[in-house]
Amino acid sequence: MFGIHIWFGPVLEYILTNHRNLFATFVLLPLSVLFDMFYYVRNKVVFYLSSAPNLHDKRVQEVQSHVRKWNEDGTEQKMVTGRPGWLTMSLRVGKYKRTQRCIPINLRDVLSVDVENEIVRVEPLVTMAQITATLNPLGWTLPVVPELDDLTVGGLIMGFGIETSSHKYGLFQYICTAYEMILADGSLVRCTKTENPELFQTIPWSHGTLGFLVAVEMKIIRYKKFVHLKYIPTRSLKHMVSKFEEVSRDTANNDFVECLQYSKDTAVIMVGKMTDTCADASKKNSIGRWYKPWFFKHVQTYLEPGCTGGDEYIPTRDYYHRHTRSIFWYLEDIMPHGNHPLFRLFLGWAVPPKISLLKLTESETTRRLMEANHIVQDMLVPVSTLEQSVMKFHTELDLYPLWLCPMKIIEQEMGLIHPYKNKNGEVDELFVDIGAYGAPKKRPFVARDALRNIEAYVRSVNGYQALYADCMMTREEFRIMFDHKDYDRLRKKLPLCEKAFPEIYDKISKQARE
């Protein structure tokens, strides 16, 4: 058991279990607002005073001193970051940290914006909200901006990062041009495509098992004020699949592509193009305003009888964070009243509560119920398998909406993931992320059995599982899904690495979270 419920006993346990929606509304929302206000002001002051670079060097030296102390102690404990599990964006809490040596990593600032070379340098705990708040007013943005405010740069690299521009630019890791790492011997190394290239290509998805990430350099592109978003309703699975693949491959005309599937046969595909002008003021829709309905509810209106689609001009930053206010549709389960007009009128400006606070205040009973009855998973499958993949999710889960997001897995010499190759050896880099979040309607439903069935299917089509959530695979199955060849060789090659850091599987498997 974890969180503040163990401090206050059975009364709070009862409230958190039986009145979670009220607790989230009247306690967590105000706390979340204060939390965000503090960090917004703090980050602005640090950036504009240009104090971050000087602070960065000192912080890195502190991390190095902790690592060197681990070496001096000769401890058998392996090292992990000291960030508490409840602070991460994953809805699960990894409990492996209780038995490991936790190294404090306090690196949360934007260090510099180099507009001449079109590069931003940041620390690993910088969030997507922080990135857009810093870059957008300067006229710049990232090519890939994952949609939830609190996702961190380090988490997106070490774990999994995707957005609706990923059909064009690939996963989040592909916009990164340099990493700075502290290795197990305390040394600081920089790696790029040409400098320590083996480490550079193997860091993504490695979950901090090669070293501690302390800085990242990423590409930036010009920011435009609006996204011209077109809504394409589809009313058959075959139509959705063919249209989705068509628009996903059209990178010249579509900067953004995503699909929300509301049933096996109904979906809305969205394609967007960045623009500096709003050609029709009547079509401007600031979806981020407090009084606006949650985005997935708004999209669903395009499936109403007789609707053939439409288009809008959405402010770009609103578009980037369109799923934040409702945490996709997860918040509907916690705050069923959250999309009601009266709630939006009085408290719409305060949502969402921080995922970290939701996790911290989760009772043991609620946690068990969530694990048994809720799914939070992303599976990456080749686009050629999309129809059968959706049917597999339907059979095992019957859970909607599903989030469909196209992305490229770019071919490179090394790494844990690779593009799809068909029987003829032809390479196709285009994959689809199928995101399933919520309570499946299938009955009977056993979460472990359903997830194992889906994992086995994903392995059979040479797909991948996003590793922020529960992994039910055995170690052998996990190694079939992910190519460990270069990873294993590098762990042997890097000084003290195998002794210092656990393997990926030991951090993300279900056993590591129990």
Protein backbone atom coordinates (compact mmCIF):
# COMPACT_ATOMS: atom_id res chain seq x y z
CA MET A 1 0.00 0.00 0.00
CA PHE A 2 1.27 3.47 -0.80
CA GLY A 3 0.14 7.10 -0.76
CA ILE A 4 -1.35 9.37 1.85
CA HIS A 5 -4.12 6.91 2.72
CA ILE A 6 -1.65 4.99 4.86
CA TRP A 7 -1.06 8.13 6.92
CA PHE A 8 -4.68 8.85 7.88
CA GLY A 9 -6.12 5.38 8.32
CA PRO A 10 -9.50 3.84 7.62
CA VAL A 11 -11.53 7.09 7.37
CA LEU A 12 -9.51 8.43 4.49
CA GLU A 13 -9.39 4.94 2.96
CA TYR A 14 -13.21 4.95 2.96
CA ILE A 15 -13.41 8.42 1.39
CA LEU A 16 -10.84 7.64 -1.30
CA THR A 17 -12.59 4.40 -2.18
CA ASN A 18 -16.27 5.40 -2.02
CA HIS A 19 -16.20 9.13 -2.79
CA ARG A 20 -13.22 9.40 -5.11
CA ASN A 21 -15.04 11.71 -7.51
CA LEU A 22 -15.81 14.26 -4.76
CA PHE A 23 -12.28 14.04 -3.35
CA ALA A 24 -10.82 14.59 -6.83
CA THR A 25 -13.14 17.55 -7.42
CA PHE A 26 -12.80 19.45 -4.17
CA VAL A 27 -9.32 18.49 -2.98
CA LEU A 28 -7.17 17.38 -5.90
CA LEU A 29 -8.30 20.04 -8.38
CA PRO A 30 -7.28 22.98 -6.13
CA LEU A 31 -4.00 21.27 -5.28
CA SER A 32 -3.32 20.65 -8.97
CA VAL A 33 -3.94 24.31 -9.81
CA LEU A 34 -1.53 25.47 -7.10
CA PHE A 35 1.05 22.91 -8.26
CA ASP A 36 0.82 24.12 -11.87
CA MET A 37 0.92 27.81 -10.91
CA PHE A 38 4.05 27.34 -8.83
CA TYR A 39 5.96 25.47 -11.53
CA TYR A 40 4.79 27.81 -14.31
CA VAL A 41 6.16 30.86 -12.49
CA ARG A 42 9.27 29.02 -11.34
CA ASN A 43 10.11 27.77 -14.86
CA LYS A 44 9.56 31.20 -16.45
CA VAL A 45 11.81 32.92 -13.92
CA VAL A 46 14.60 30.36 -14.28
CA PHE A 47 14.49 30.47 -18.09
CA TYR A 48 14.40 34.25 -18.50
CA LEU A 49 17.09 34.82 -15.86
CA SER A 50 19.24 32.32 -17.80
CA SER A 51 20.18 30.65 -14.54
CA ALA A 52 19.41 27.14 -15.76
CA PRO A 53 22.76 26.45 -17.51
CA ASN A 54 24.78 27.29 -14.40
CA LEU A 55 22.43 25.32 -12.18
CA HIS A 56 22.60 22.42 -14.62
CA ASP A 57 26.35 21.89 -14.26
CA LYS A 58 26.04 21.84 -10.47
CA ARG A 59 23.13 19.37 -10.57
CA VAL A 60 24.98 17.05 -12.92
CA GLN A 61 27.98 17.06 -10.59
CA GLU A 62 25.65 16.14 -7.72
CA VAL A 63 24.35 13.15 -9.67
CA GLN A 64 27.92 12.12 -10.47
CA SER A 65 28.84 12.31 -6.79
CA HIS A 66 25.93 10.00 -5.87
CA VAL A 67 27.00 7.50 -8.52
CA ARG A 68 30.61 7.60 -7.37
CA LYS A 69 29.43 7.08 -3.79
CA TRP A 70 27.60 3.95 -4.98
CA ASN A 71 30.90 2.76 -6.45
CA GLU A 72 32.76 3.46 -3.21
CA ASP A 73 30.16 1.63 -1.12
CA GLY A 74 30.43 -1.46 -3.30
CA THR A 75 26.72 -2.06 -2.75
CA GLU A 76 24.90 -4.97 -4.32
CA GLN A 77 21.83 -2.80 -4.83
CA LYS A 78 21.30 -1.60 -8.38
CA MET A 79 20.77 2.09 -9.13
CA VAL A 80 17.52 3.72 -10.29
CA THR A 81 16.31 7.31 -10.40
CA GLY A 82 15.06 8.64 -7.10
CA ARG A 83 11.89 10.11 -8.58
CA PRO A 84 8.94 8.60 -6.65
CA GLY A 85 6.77 6.24 -8.67
CA TRP A 86 3.63 8.29 -8.02
CA LEU A 87 5.18 11.28 -9.81
CA THR A 88 5.46 9.46 -13.13
CA MET A 89 2.75 9.67 -15.82
CA SER A 90 2.17 5.94 -15.87
CA LEU A 91 -0.99 5.01 -13.99
CA ARG A 92 0.90 2.12 -12.42
CA VAL A 93 3.45 2.52 -9.62
CA GLY A 94 6.70 0.60 -9.98
CA LYS A 95 7.57 -0.79 -6.57
CA TYR A 96 11.01 -2.07 -7.56
CA LYS A 97 12.47 1.21 -6.27
CA ARG A 98 11.90 0.05 -2.70
CA THR A 99 14.76 -2.43 -3.01
CA GLN A 100 17.12 -0.38 -5.20
CA ARG A 101 19.58 2.47 -4.60
CA CYS A 102 17.64 5.62 -5.54
CA ILE A 103 19.73 8.40 -7.08
CA PRO A 104 18.24 11.93 -6.83
CA ILE A 105 17.77 13.48 -10.29
CA ASN A 106 16.57 17.09 -10.02
CA LEU A 107 16.85 18.16 -13.65
CA ARG A 108 13.73 19.99 -14.85
CA ASP A 109 14.76 23.08 -16.86
CA VAL A 110 14.93 24.28 -20.44
CA LEU A 111 18.62 25.11 -20.82
CA SER A 112 18.85 26.97 -24.13
CA VAL A 113 17.08 27.66 -27.42
CA ASP A 114 19.45 27.89 -30.38
CA VAL A 115 17.34 29.33 -33.22
CA GLU A 116 20.31 29.55 -35.59
CA ASN A 117 20.88 25.79 -35.48
CA GLU A 118 17.22 25.04 -34.70
CA ILE A 119 18.00 23.12 -31.51
CA VAL A 120 16.58 23.24 -27.98
CA ARG A 121 18.59 21.81 -25.09
CA VAL A 122 16.64 20.58 -22.07
CA GLU A 123 16.92 18.52 -18.92
CA PRO A 124 15.08 15.19 -18.78
CA LEU A 125 12.26 16.22 -16.41
CA VAL A 126 11.10 19.07 -18.66
CA THR A 127 7.42 18.54 -19.50
CA MET A 128 5.52 19.03 -22.74
CA ALA A 129 3.56 21.91 -21.20
CA GLN A 130 6.85 23.54 -20.25
CA ILE A 131 8.25 23.00 -23.75
CA THR A 132 5.30 24.57 -25.56
CA ALA A 133 5.05 27.43 -23.05
CA THR A 134 8.73 28.23 -23.68
CA LEU A 135 9.07 27.63 -27.41
CA ASN A 136 5.72 28.75 -28.84
CA PRO A 137 5.97 32.44 -27.79
CA LEU A 138 9.41 32.48 -29.44
CA GLY A 139 7.92 31.22 -32.71
CA TRP A 140 9.22 27.64 -32.44
CA THR A 141 7.93 24.19 -31.58
CA LEU A 142 8.99 20.55 -31.54
CA PRO A 143 8.19 18.41 -34.60
CA VAL A 144 6.60 15.86 -32.21
CA VAL A 145 4.67 17.18 -29.18
CA PRO A 146 3.01 14.35 -27.20
CA GLU A 147 -0.40 15.52 -26.07
CA LEU A 148 -0.47 15.29 -22.26
CA ASP A 149 0.97 18.29 -20.39
CA ASP A 150 2.96 16.36 -17.78
CA LEU A 151 4.79 13.94 -20.07
CA THR A 152 8.54 14.46 -19.62
CA VAL A 153 11.30 14.47 -22.22
CA GLY A 154 13.20 11.75 -20.39
CA GLY A 155 10.15 9.53 -20.09
CA LEU A 156 9.34 9.92 -23.78
CA ILE A 157 12.88 8.91 -24.76
CA MET A 158 13.53 6.16 -22.26
CA GLY A 159 9.99 4.84 -22.59
CA PHE A 160 7.72 5.69 -25.47
CA GLY A 161 6.81 8.95 -27.17
CA ILE A 162 4.35 9.51 -29.99
CA GLU A 163 2.06 12.17 -31.40
CA THR A 164 -0.14 12.72 -34.43
CA SER A 165 2.82 14.14 -36.35
CA SER A 166 4.71 10.85 -35.88
CA HIS A 167 3.56 9.52 -39.27
CA LYS A 168 5.79 12.28 -40.64
CA TYR A 169 8.66 12.53 -38.13
CA GLY A 170 8.54 9.17 -36.38
CA LEU A 171 8.65 8.51 -32.63
CA PHE A 172 9.77 11.21 -30.19
CA GLN A 173 13.27 9.73 -30.06
CA TYR A 174 13.88 10.57 -33.72
CA ILE A 175 13.74 14.34 -33.14
CA CYS A 176 16.59 14.03 -30.61
CA THR A 177 20.05 14.93 -31.90
CA ALA A 178 22.17 14.42 -28.76
CA TYR A 179 22.00 12.83 -25.32
CA GLU A 180 24.19 13.47 -22.29
CA MET A 181 24.47 10.51 -19.91
CA ILE A 182 26.14 9.68 -16.62
CA LEU A 183 27.43 6.13 -16.76
CA ALA A 184 27.83 3.67 -13.90
CA ASP A 185 31.42 4.77 -13.21
CA GLY A 186 30.29 8.39 -12.78
CA SER A 187 31.64 9.61 -16.11
CA LEU A 188 29.66 12.07 -18.23
CA VAL A 189 29.37 11.19 -21.92
CA ARG A 190 27.74 12.84 -24.90
CA CYS A 191 26.36 10.78 -27.75
CA THR A 192 25.07 11.67 -31.22
CA LYS A 193 24.76 9.87 -34.56
CA THR A 194 28.53 10.26 -35.01
CA GLU A 195 29.80 10.45 -31.40
CA ASN A 196 29.20 7.24 -29.44
CA PRO A 197 26.61 6.19 -32.06
CA GLU A 198 26.00 2.76 -30.52
CA LEU A 199 24.87 4.33 -27.25
CA PHE A 200 22.89 7.02 -29.10
CA GLN A 201 20.79 4.44 -30.97
CA THR A 202 20.28 2.14 -27.97
CA ILE A 203 19.21 4.68 -25.33
CA PRO A 204 15.58 4.98 -26.55
CA TRP A 205 13.25 2.51 -24.79
CA SER A 206 16.06 1.46 -22.42
CA HIS A 207 14.29 2.78 -19.29
CA GLY A 208 17.41 4.13 -17.61
CA THR A 209 19.22 0.79 -17.66
CA LEU A 210 22.32 2.09 -19.47
CA GLY A 211 22.93 5.22 -17.43
CA PHE A 212 21.28 8.39 -16.15
CA LEU A 213 20.06 10.85 -18.77
CA VAL A 214 20.96 14.43 -17.79
CA ALA A 215 20.44 16.51 -20.95
CA VAL A 216 18.89 16.23 -24.40
CA GLU A 217 19.17 18.26 -27.58
CA MET A 218 16.17 18.22 -29.92
CA LYS A 219 15.23 19.63 -33.30
CA ILE A 220 12.81 22.54 -33.43
CA ILE A 221 10.69 23.79 -36.30
CA ARG A 222 8.77 26.99 -36.99
CA TYR A 223 5.56 27.37 -35.01
CA LYS A 224 2.34 28.35 -36.76
CA LYS A 225 -0.71 29.74 -35.01
CA PHE A 226 -3.41 27.32 -36.11
CA VAL A 227 -4.07 23.74 -37.08
CA HIS A 228 -6.62 23.45 -39.85
CA LEU A 229 -8.29 20.22 -38.73
CA LYS A 230 -10.61 18.19 -40.94
CA TYR A 231 -12.99 15.59 -39.50
CA ILE A 232 -13.76 12.52 -41.60
CA PRO A 233 -16.46 10.23 -40.13
CA THR A 234 -16.37 6.57 -41.19
CA ARG A 235 -19.08 3.99 -40.63
CA SER A 236 -17.37 0.73 -41.49
CA LEU A 237 -14.12 -0.82 -40.33
CA LYS A 238 -12.85 -1.39 -43.86
CA HIS A 239 -13.51 2.23 -44.84
CA MET A 240 -11.73 3.48 -41.73
CA VAL A 241 -8.69 1.27 -42.34
CA SER A 242 -8.28 2.23 -46.00
CA LYS A 243 -8.82 5.96 -45.38
CA PHE A 244 -6.57 5.97 -42.33
CA GLU A 245 -3.68 4.40 -44.23
CA GLU A 246 -4.21 6.74 -47.18
CA VAL A 247 -4.00 9.95 -45.11
CA SER A 248 -1.18 8.57 -42.92
CA ARG A 249 1.05 8.02 -45.94
CA ASP A 250 0.32 11.51 -47.30
CA THR A 251 2.98 13.37 -45.31
CA ALA A 252 3.12 16.20 -47.84
CA ASN A 253 -0.41 17.38 -47.13
CA ASN A 254 -1.08 16.16 -43.59
CA ASP A 255 1.00 17.42 -40.69
CA PHE A 256 -1.20 15.57 -38.18
CA VAL A 257 -3.27 12.38 -38.38
CA GLU A 258 -5.27 10.57 -35.70
CA CYS A 259 -8.45 8.54 -35.40
CA LEU A 260 -10.88 8.05 -32.53
CA GLN A 261 -12.81 4.82 -32.92
CA TYR A 262 -16.11 4.79 -31.04
CA SER A 263 -17.26 1.27 -31.96
CA LYS A 264 -16.10 -1.56 -34.21
CA ASP A 265 -17.66 0.18 -37.22
CA THR A 266 -17.73 3.89 -36.35
CA ALA A 267 -14.77 6.25 -36.16
CA VAL A 268 -13.69 9.80 -36.89
CA ILE A 269 -10.38 10.33 -38.70
CA MET A 270 -8.75 13.73 -38.25
CA VAL A 271 -6.14 15.27 -40.52
CA GLY A 272 -4.49 18.59 -39.75
CA LYS A 273 -2.27 21.14 -41.41
CA MET A 274 -0.38 23.90 -39.60
CA THR A 275 -1.12 27.42 -40.85
CA ASP A 276 -0.54 31.00 -39.75
CA THR A 277 -3.96 32.19 -40.84
CA CYS A 278 -7.54 31.34 -39.99
CA ALA A 279 -9.24 31.48 -43.37
CA ASP A 280 -12.75 31.47 -41.87
CA ALA A 281 -13.23 33.15 -38.49
CA SER A 282 -16.55 31.34 -37.98
CA LYS A 283 -14.64 28.05 -37.92
CA LYS A 284 -12.17 29.05 -35.23
CA ASN A 285 -12.54 26.74 -32.22
CA SER A 286 -10.41 27.34 -29.14
CA ILE A 287 -10.92 23.84 -27.75
CA GLY A 288 -8.66 24.50 -24.76
CA ARG A 289 -11.05 27.01 -23.18
CA TRP A 290 -12.48 25.97 -19.82
CA TYR A 291 -16.08 25.98 -21.04
CA LYS A 292 -15.47 23.77 -24.06
CA PRO A 293 -16.55 20.10 -24.03
CA TRP A 294 -13.87 17.49 -23.73
CA PHE A 295 -12.24 16.92 -27.10
CA PHE A 296 -13.29 13.30 -27.54
CA LYS A 297 -16.91 14.31 -26.89
CA HIS A 298 -16.64 17.09 -29.45
CA VAL A 299 -15.20 14.72 -32.05
CA GLN A 300 -18.02 12.25 -31.49
CA THR A 301 -20.57 14.80 -32.72
CA TYR A 302 -19.26 14.22 -36.25
CA LEU A 303 -20.83 10.74 -36.10
CA GLU A 304 -24.33 12.12 -35.64
CA PRO A 305 -26.83 10.99 -38.30
CA GLY A 306 -26.41 12.83 -41.58
CA CYS A 307 -23.03 14.35 -40.70
CA THR A 308 -20.51 13.98 -43.52
CA GLY A 309 -17.62 15.73 -41.78
CA GLY A 310 -16.34 19.24 -41.31
CA ASP A 311 -13.31 21.36 -40.55
CA GLU A 312 -12.11 23.85 -37.94
CA TYR A 313 -9.19 26.13 -37.18
CA ILE A 314 -7.79 25.26 -33.76
CA PRO A 315 -5.07 27.32 -32.02
CA THR A 316 -1.98 25.15 -32.24
CA ARG A 317 -1.22 24.97 -28.53
CA ASP A 318 -4.85 24.01 -27.88
CA TYR A 319 -4.46 21.25 -30.44
CA TYR A 320 -1.22 19.99 -28.91
CA HIS A 321 -2.88 19.52 -25.51
CA ARG A 322 -6.38 18.59 -26.74
CA HIS A 323 -6.53 15.37 -24.70
CA THR A 324 -5.04 16.85 -21.52
CA ARG A 325 -8.22 18.20 -19.90
CA SER A 326 -9.94 14.81 -19.95
CA ILE A 327 -6.73 12.68 -19.87
CA PHE A 328 -8.09 11.24 -23.12
CA TRP A 329 -11.32 9.77 -21.63
CA TYR A 330 -9.87 8.37 -18.43
CA LEU A 331 -11.16 11.28 -16.35
CA GLU A 332 -14.76 10.39 -17.23
CA ASP A 333 -14.47 7.33 -14.96
CA ILE A 334 -13.14 9.37 -12.03
CA MET A 335 -15.28 12.50 -12.51
CA PRO A 336 -18.42 11.47 -14.43
CA HIS A 337 -19.81 14.99 -13.95
CA GLY A 338 -16.70 16.58 -15.49
CA ASN A 339 -18.21 17.25 -18.91
CA HIS A 340 -21.49 18.65 -17.56
CA PRO A 341 -22.08 22.31 -18.59
CA LEU A 342 -22.46 23.43 -14.94
CA PHE A 343 -19.21 21.76 -13.93
CA ARG A 344 -17.42 23.35 -16.87
CA LEU A 345 -18.91 26.71 -15.91
CA PHE A 346 -17.59 26.63 -12.35
CA LEU A 347 -14.60 24.28 -12.38
CA GLY A 348 -13.79 23.60 -16.02
CA TRP A 349 -10.77 25.90 -15.76
CA ALA A 350 -9.24 23.68 -13.05
CA VAL A 351 -9.21 20.30 -14.80
CA PRO A 352 -7.50 17.95 -14.96
CA PRO A 353 -6.30 16.87 -11.54
CA LYS A 354 -2.65 15.84 -11.69
CA ILE A 355 -2.19 12.17 -12.52
CA SER A 356 0.53 12.08 -9.89
CA LEU A 357 -1.92 13.24 -7.20
CA LEU A 358 -4.54 10.76 -8.40
CA LYS A 359 -1.96 8.00 -7.96
CA LEU A 360 -0.74 9.28 -4.61
CA THR A 361 -4.28 9.31 -3.18
CA GLU A 362 -5.40 5.98 -4.61
CA SER A 363 -6.65 3.60 -1.93
CA GLU A 364 -5.56 -0.01 -1.90
CA THR A 365 -9.12 -1.09 -2.70
CA THR A 366 -9.36 1.30 -5.63
CA ARG A 367 -5.98 0.19 -6.92
CA ARG A 368 -7.03 -3.46 -6.92
CA LEU A 369 -10.33 -2.65 -8.62
CA MET A 370 -8.56 -0.58 -11.28
CA GLU A 371 -6.04 -3.31 -12.01
CA ALA A 372 -8.80 -5.90 -12.31
CA ASN A 373 -11.27 -3.85 -14.35
CA HIS A 374 -9.36 -1.15 -16.25
CA ILE A 375 -6.92 -1.23 -19.12
CA VAL A 376 -4.32 1.42 -19.93
CA GLN A 377 -2.27 0.10 -22.83
CA ASP A 378 -0.73 1.14 -26.14
CA MET A 379 0.21 -1.46 -28.72
CA LEU A 380 2.22 -0.66 -31.86
CA VAL A 381 1.31 -2.76 -34.90
CA PRO A 382 2.23 -2.55 -38.61
CA VAL A 383 -0.37 -0.55 -40.54
CA SER A 384 -0.93 -3.55 -42.82
CA THR A 385 -2.42 -5.41 -39.82
CA LEU A 386 -4.71 -2.61 -38.62
CA GLU A 387 -8.03 -4.27 -39.48
CA GLN A 388 -7.20 -7.57 -37.81
CA SER A 389 -5.61 -5.73 -34.89
CA VAL A 390 -8.77 -3.71 -34.21
CA MET A 391 -10.77 -6.93 -34.36
CA LYS A 392 -8.39 -8.52 -31.84
CA PHE A 393 -8.89 -5.61 -29.43
CA HIS A 394 -12.65 -5.85 -30.00
CA THR A 395 -12.69 -9.57 -29.25
CA GLU A 396 -10.49 -9.37 -26.16
CA LEU A 397 -11.68 -6.07 -24.68
CA ASP A 398 -14.72 -4.54 -26.40
CA LEU A 399 -13.41 -1.19 -25.17
CA TYR A 400 -14.11 2.13 -26.89
CA PRO A 401 -13.06 4.76 -27.76
CA LEU A 402 -9.77 3.47 -29.12
CA TRP A 403 -7.02 5.94 -30.02
CA LEU A 404 -5.36 5.24 -33.36
CA CYS A 405 -2.19 7.17 -34.11
CA PRO A 406 0.11 6.47 -37.09
CA MET A 407 3.85 6.64 -36.68
CA LYS A 408 7.10 5.62 -38.32
CA ILE A 409 9.66 3.27 -36.84
CA ILE A 410 12.71 4.40 -38.76
CA GLU A 411 15.24 1.81 -39.87
CA GLN A 412 18.63 2.11 -38.20
CA GLU A 413 21.56 -0.19 -37.50
CA MET A 414 20.98 -0.70 -33.77
CA GLY A 415 18.23 -0.43 -31.19
CA LEU A 416 15.46 -2.38 -29.52
CA ILE A 417 12.79 -1.80 -32.18
CA HIS A 418 12.84 -2.09 -35.97
CA PRO A 419 10.53 -1.48 -38.94
CA TYR A 420 8.23 -4.21 -40.23
CA LYS A 421 9.51 -6.63 -42.86
CA ASN A 422 7.07 -8.73 -44.86
CA LYS A 423 7.71 -12.25 -46.14
CA ASN A 424 9.46 -10.84 -49.19
CA GLY A 425 11.86 -8.82 -47.06
CA GLU A 426 10.25 -5.49 -47.98
CA VAL A 427 10.47 -2.85 -45.26
CA ASP A 428 7.49 -0.74 -44.16
CA GLU A 429 8.20 1.89 -41.50
CA LEU A 430 4.54 2.84 -40.95
CA PHE A 431 2.96 1.50 -37.75
CA VAL A 432 -0.19 2.34 -35.82
CA ASP A 433 -0.43 2.87 -32.08
CA ILE A 434 -3.69 1.41 -30.75
CA GLY A 435 -4.41 3.03 -27.40
CA ALA A 436 -6.93 1.29 -25.14
CA TYR A 437 -7.84 3.20 -21.98
CA GLY A 438 -10.74 2.41 -19.66
CA ALA A 439 -13.06 -0.38 -18.53
CA PRO A 440 -13.60 -3.16 -21.11
CA LYS A 441 -17.20 -4.24 -21.69
CA LYS A 442 -16.34 -7.86 -22.52
CA ARG A 443 -17.77 -10.35 -20.06
CA PRO A 444 -16.34 -12.39 -18.51
CA PHE A 445 -13.18 -10.28 -18.39
CA VAL A 446 -9.90 -11.30 -16.77
CA ALA A 447 -7.32 -8.54 -17.25
CA ARG A 448 -4.24 -10.75 -17.15
CA ASP A 449 -5.62 -13.26 -19.65
CA ALA A 450 -6.80 -10.56 -22.05
CA LEU A 451 -3.48 -8.71 -21.95
CA ARG A 452 -1.47 -11.88 -22.45
CA ASN A 453 -3.63 -12.73 -25.47
CA ILE A 454 -3.10 -9.27 -26.93
CA GLU A 455 0.64 -9.35 -26.22
CA ALA A 456 0.91 -12.72 -27.98
CA TYR A 457 -0.96 -11.32 -30.96
CA VAL A 458 1.27 -8.23 -31.12
CA ARG A 459 4.37 -10.44 -31.08
CA SER A 460 2.90 -12.53 -33.90
CA VAL A 461 2.62 -9.49 -36.19
CA ASN A 462 6.07 -8.13 -35.23
CA GLY A 463 4.61 -5.29 -33.23
CA TYR A 464 5.62 -3.72 -29.92
CA GLN A 465 4.07 -2.88 -26.57
CA ALA A 466 4.49 0.56 -25.02
CA LEU A 467 6.16 -0.18 -21.72
CA TYR A 468 4.71 2.47 -19.43
CA ALA A 469 1.90 0.13 -18.30
CA ASP A 470 1.61 -3.48 -17.19
CA CYS A 471 3.66 -6.04 -19.11
CA MET A 472 2.41 -9.60 -18.62
CA MET A 473 5.06 -11.23 -20.79
CA THR A 474 7.66 -13.64 -19.50
CA ARG A 475 11.28 -12.60 -19.87
CA GLU A 476 11.64 -14.92 -22.87
CA GLU A 477 8.54 -13.50 -24.56
CA PHE A 478 9.75 -9.96 -23.89
CA ARG A 479 13.06 -10.75 -25.58
CA ILE A 480 11.20 -12.10 -28.61
CA MET A 481 9.29 -8.83 -28.96
CA PHE A 482 12.29 -6.53 -28.43
CA ASP A 483 15.68 -7.02 -30.08
CA HIS A 484 18.18 -7.25 -27.20
CA LYS A 485 21.24 -8.05 -29.32
CA ASP A 486 22.80 -4.57 -29.31
CA TYR A 487 21.41 -3.77 -25.86
CA ASP A 488 23.06 -6.83 -24.26
CA ARG A 489 26.37 -6.15 -26.00
CA LEU A 490 26.36 -2.53 -24.85
CA ARG A 491 25.57 -3.41 -21.24
CA LYS A 492 28.60 -5.70 -21.24
CA LYS A 493 30.75 -3.04 -22.88
CA LEU A 494 29.87 -0.06 -20.67
CA PRO A 495 31.81 0.08 -17.38
CA LEU A 496 29.96 -1.55 -14.46
CA CYS A 497 26.65 -1.29 -16.34
CA GLU A 498 25.39 -4.81 -15.64
CA LYS A 499 26.24 -4.49 -11.97
CA ALA A 500 24.81 -0.98 -11.65
CA PHE A 501 21.49 -1.10 -13.47
CA PRO A 502 18.63 -3.62 -13.72
CA GLU A 503 17.52 -4.89 -17.12
CA ILE A 504 14.51 -3.27 -18.79
CA TYR A 505 12.30 -6.26 -18.03
CA ASP A 506 13.08 -6.02 -14.33
CA LYS A 507 11.65 -2.49 -14.29
CA ILE A 508 8.54 -2.83 -16.44
CA SER A 509 7.22 -6.36 -15.90
CA LYS A 510 4.11 -6.92 -13.81
CA GLN A 511 6.25 -8.57 -11.13
CA ALA A 512 8.34 -5.39 -10.80
CA ARG A 513 5.17 -3.41 -10.12
CA GLU A 514 3.80 -5.73 -7.44
